[in-house]
Amino acid sequence: MKFLITGFEPFHDHPINPSQLLVESLPDQYLDVQLVKGILPVHHLLGPERLLSLLAGNQPDAVLAFGLAANRTKVSLERVAINLMDYSIADNAGVTVTNRPIDPNGPAAYFSTLPIEQLLSTLVDEEIPTEISLSAGAYLCNQVFYTLMHWVAAQKKRMSAGFIHLPALPEQAARSSGPMPSLPLDYFTRAALLIIDTIILHT
């Protein structure tokens, strides 16, 4: 079985990105699962393009996309991706977008195909703060999430794929001028491996 696992490079005023550090912390092989790892640019064009290249080149059996949401207090299992780009925080090319569809011909939204309820139960049982989120925002994380689920829909096969937002790391919170919730990197690594375990169990 092959998993594609992605994170994002640093962006805006975040010199590190926990999703990148999480992906880099994972092994290339876990049990009988090959872990293909990729870091996506925080760029309105190159981010989705890189994701699609990884998907086409690897044809994974499951996909976990991770990103940073510095205001979150828990690992957030995103339920829905919306067909909207709307962000005032510039991407790493300095681009902002207002009220633009990701795909003018695409559906309004896609749902995650991850076993979200089972993932929530597993992670909470392992004392990893976790929640189900109904909004992935309208920034690059949502854009990549929508792009991923659009690709999955085109494959016309059953596949576990979705997006997970991570809180900030303690070192980010320490340098923040205001309150910033955080969790240590090892929580994210444990969460990712438990998610893989759960997907295998429910496949």
Protein backbone atom coordinates (compact mmCIF):
# COMPACT_ATOMS: atom_id res chain seq x y z
CA MET A 1 0.00 0.00 0.00
CA LYS A 2 1.24 3.48 -0.83
CA PHE A 3 0.39 6.73 0.99
CA LEU A 4 1.16 10.21 -0.29
CA ILE A 5 1.73 12.60 2.60
CA THR A 6 2.19 16.32 1.98
CA GLY A 7 2.97 19.44 3.98
CA PHE A 8 3.67 23.07 3.14
CA GLU A 9 6.78 25.22 3.18
CA PRO A 10 6.97 28.21 5.60
CA PHE A 11 4.88 31.25 4.66
CA HIS A 12 3.80 34.73 5.78
CA ASP A 13 5.34 35.42 9.21
CA HIS A 14 5.96 31.75 10.04
CA PRO A 15 9.68 30.89 9.60
CA ILE A 16 8.87 27.22 10.15
CA ASN A 17 5.85 25.16 9.20
CA PRO A 18 4.87 22.22 11.41
CA SER A 19 3.34 20.40 8.44
CA GLN A 20 6.73 20.38 6.70
CA LEU A 21 8.52 19.23 9.85
CA LEU A 22 5.91 16.51 10.36
CA VAL A 23 6.35 15.15 6.83
CA GLU A 24 10.13 15.20 7.20
CA SER A 25 9.88 13.34 10.52
CA LEU A 26 8.08 10.36 8.99
CA PRO A 27 9.91 7.25 7.73
CA ASP A 28 9.88 6.21 4.08
CA GLN A 29 8.41 2.85 5.09
CA TYR A 30 5.93 2.20 7.91
CA LEU A 31 4.91 -1.40 8.49
CA ASP A 32 3.96 -2.60 4.98
CA VAL A 33 3.16 0.91 3.79
CA GLN A 34 5.34 3.01 1.51
CA LEU A 35 5.21 6.67 2.51
CA VAL A 36 5.78 9.05 -0.39
CA LYS A 37 6.40 12.52 1.00
CA GLY A 38 6.18 15.93 -0.61
CA ILE A 39 6.46 19.57 0.45
CA LEU A 40 4.19 21.95 -1.44
CA PRO A 41 4.99 25.58 -2.27
CA VAL A 42 2.70 28.17 -0.70
CA HIS A 43 1.89 29.50 -4.15
CA HIS A 44 -1.51 29.86 -5.79
CA LEU A 45 -0.34 28.02 -8.93
CA LEU A 46 2.70 25.98 -7.96
CA GLY A 47 1.16 24.44 -4.82
CA PRO A 48 -1.72 22.67 -6.59
CA GLU A 49 0.53 21.86 -9.58
CA ARG A 50 3.07 20.16 -7.32
CA LEU A 51 0.30 18.16 -5.65
CA LEU A 52 -1.09 16.99 -9.00
CA SER A 53 2.40 16.03 -10.14
CA LEU A 54 2.91 13.92 -7.01
CA LEU A 55 -0.49 12.29 -7.46
CA ALA A 56 0.06 11.48 -11.13
CA GLY A 57 3.61 10.28 -10.62
CA ASN A 58 2.89 8.02 -7.65
CA GLN A 59 -0.75 6.92 -7.99
CA PRO A 60 -1.13 6.53 -4.21
CA ASP A 61 -3.72 4.37 -2.49
CA ALA A 62 -4.40 7.05 0.15
CA VAL A 63 -3.48 10.71 0.61
CA LEU A 64 -2.95 12.79 3.75
CA ALA A 65 -2.40 16.50 3.22
CA PHE A 66 -1.31 18.57 6.22
CA GLY A 67 -1.12 22.31 6.78
CA LEU A 68 -0.72 24.92 9.50
CA ALA A 69 -3.62 26.76 11.13
CA ALA A 70 -1.89 28.76 13.85
CA ASN A 71 -5.14 29.69 15.61
CA ARG A 72 -6.26 26.08 16.11
CA THR A 73 -6.01 24.47 19.52
CA LYS A 74 -6.27 20.89 18.26
CA VAL A 75 -5.41 18.69 15.32
CA SER A 76 -8.29 19.48 12.95
CA LEU A 77 -9.72 16.81 10.66
CA GLU A 78 -11.21 18.83 7.82
CA ARG A 79 -14.54 17.56 6.56
CA VAL A 80 -15.17 19.76 3.49
CA ALA A 81 -13.22 21.63 0.80
CA ILE A 82 -14.98 24.56 -0.88
CA ASN A 83 -14.53 25.88 -4.41
CA LEU A 84 -13.26 29.28 -3.32
CA MET A 85 -10.01 31.21 -3.16
CA ASP A 86 -10.31 34.27 -0.92
CA TYR A 87 -7.28 35.38 1.04
CA SER A 88 -5.81 38.69 2.11
CA ILE A 89 -2.59 37.09 3.42
CA ALA A 90 -0.33 36.91 0.39
CA ASP A 91 1.12 33.63 -0.79
CA ASN A 92 4.89 33.32 -1.17
CA ALA A 93 4.68 35.01 -4.58
CA GLY A 94 3.02 38.05 -2.99
CA VAL A 95 -0.37 37.23 -4.52
CA THR A 96 -3.71 37.80 -2.80
CA VAL A 97 -7.04 36.59 -4.17
CA THR A 98 -10.61 37.79 -3.60
CA ASN A 99 -13.73 35.73 -4.21
CA ARG A 100 -12.43 33.54 -7.04
CA PRO A 101 -13.41 29.92 -7.71
CA ILE A 102 -10.67 27.31 -7.69
CA ASP A 103 -12.35 25.61 -10.65
CA PRO A 104 -15.10 27.58 -12.44
CA ASN A 105 -16.52 24.32 -13.76
CA GLY A 106 -16.15 22.32 -10.56
CA PRO A 107 -18.73 21.55 -7.86
CA ALA A 108 -19.23 23.92 -4.94
CA ALA A 109 -17.57 21.53 -2.49
CA TYR A 110 -16.09 18.11 -1.92
CA PHE A 111 -16.18 16.05 1.25
CA SER A 112 -13.14 14.32 2.70
CA THR A 113 -13.10 10.57 2.14
CA LEU A 114 -11.09 9.91 5.29
CA PRO A 115 -12.85 7.86 8.00
CA ILE A 116 -13.13 11.02 10.08
CA GLU A 117 -15.24 9.75 12.97
CA GLN A 118 -12.97 6.75 13.45
CA LEU A 119 -9.89 8.97 13.26
CA LEU A 120 -11.32 11.32 15.88
CA SER A 121 -12.05 8.43 18.23
CA THR A 122 -8.60 6.88 17.76
CA LEU A 123 -6.66 10.10 18.28
CA VAL A 124 -8.68 11.20 21.30
CA ASP A 125 -8.28 7.74 22.84
CA GLU A 126 -4.52 8.23 22.47
CA GLU A 127 -4.82 11.62 24.21
CA ILE A 128 -3.99 13.68 21.13
CA PRO A 129 -6.20 16.82 21.15
CA THR A 130 -8.31 16.42 18.00
CA GLU A 131 -11.48 17.88 16.50
CA ILE A 132 -13.58 17.67 13.36
CA SER A 133 -13.57 20.97 11.47
CA LEU A 134 -16.24 22.15 9.04
CA SER A 135 -14.07 24.86 7.46
CA ALA A 136 -10.61 24.57 5.97
CA GLY A 137 -10.72 28.30 5.22
CA ALA A 138 -10.19 29.78 1.75
CA TYR A 139 -6.39 29.97 1.62
CA LEU A 140 -3.88 27.59 0.01
CA CYS A 141 -4.76 24.76 2.40
CA ASN A 142 -8.35 24.70 1.17
CA GLN A 143 -7.19 25.13 -2.43
CA VAL A 144 -4.92 22.09 -2.17
CA PHE A 145 -7.66 20.14 -0.35
CA TYR A 146 -10.16 20.93 -3.12
CA THR A 147 -7.61 20.07 -5.82
CA LEU A 148 -6.92 16.76 -4.09
CA MET A 149 -10.57 15.79 -3.80
CA HIS A 150 -11.27 16.85 -7.39
CA TRP A 151 -8.48 14.48 -8.48
CA VAL A 152 -9.86 11.70 -6.27
CA ALA A 153 -13.35 12.15 -7.76
CA ALA A 154 -11.90 11.82 -11.26
CA GLN A 155 -10.28 8.50 -10.37
CA LYS A 156 -13.72 6.96 -9.85
CA LYS A 157 -12.44 4.59 -7.21
CA ARG A 158 -12.74 4.33 -3.45
CA MET A 159 -9.81 6.10 -1.80
CA SER A 160 -9.11 7.62 1.61
CA ALA A 161 -7.94 11.20 1.11
CA GLY A 162 -8.29 14.45 2.96
CA PHE A 163 -6.76 17.41 4.72
CA ILE A 164 -5.65 17.88 8.33
CA HIS A 165 -4.80 21.22 9.91
CA LEU A 166 -2.16 21.37 12.63
CA PRO A 167 -1.76 23.94 15.41
CA ALA A 168 1.49 25.86 15.76
CA LEU A 169 4.57 24.43 17.44
CA PRO A 170 5.74 25.63 20.88
CA GLU A 171 8.72 27.43 19.31
CA GLN A 172 6.31 29.42 17.15
CA ALA A 173 4.13 30.28 20.14
CA ALA A 174 7.20 31.39 22.10
CA ARG A 175 8.01 33.98 19.43
CA SER A 176 4.43 35.14 18.92
CA SER A 177 3.52 38.66 20.05
CA GLY A 178 0.11 37.42 21.18
CA PRO A 179 -1.50 34.24 22.47
CA MET A 180 -0.91 31.26 20.18
CA PRO A 181 -2.02 27.71 21.02
CA SER A 182 0.55 25.03 20.27
CA LEU A 183 1.35 21.32 20.40
CA PRO A 184 4.75 19.58 20.16
CA LEU A 185 5.91 17.95 16.93
CA ASP A 186 5.88 14.44 18.40
CA TYR A 187 2.09 14.75 18.85
CA PHE A 188 1.77 15.38 15.12
CA THR A 189 4.04 12.47 14.21
CA ARG A 190 2.09 10.13 16.48
CA ALA A 191 -1.17 11.43 15.03
CA ALA A 192 -0.03 10.81 11.45
CA LEU A 193 1.00 7.22 12.19
CA LEU A 194 -2.25 6.55 14.05
CA ILE A 195 -4.18 7.95 11.10
CA ILE A 196 -2.33 5.58 8.77
CA ASP A 197 -3.09 2.66 11.12
CA THR A 198 -6.78 3.57 11.19
CA ILE A 199 -7.07 3.95 7.42
CA ILE A 200 -5.45 0.54 6.91
CA LEU A 201 -7.90 -0.94 9.41
CA HIS A 202 -10.90 0.54 7.59
CA THR A 203 -9.74 -0.17 4.03
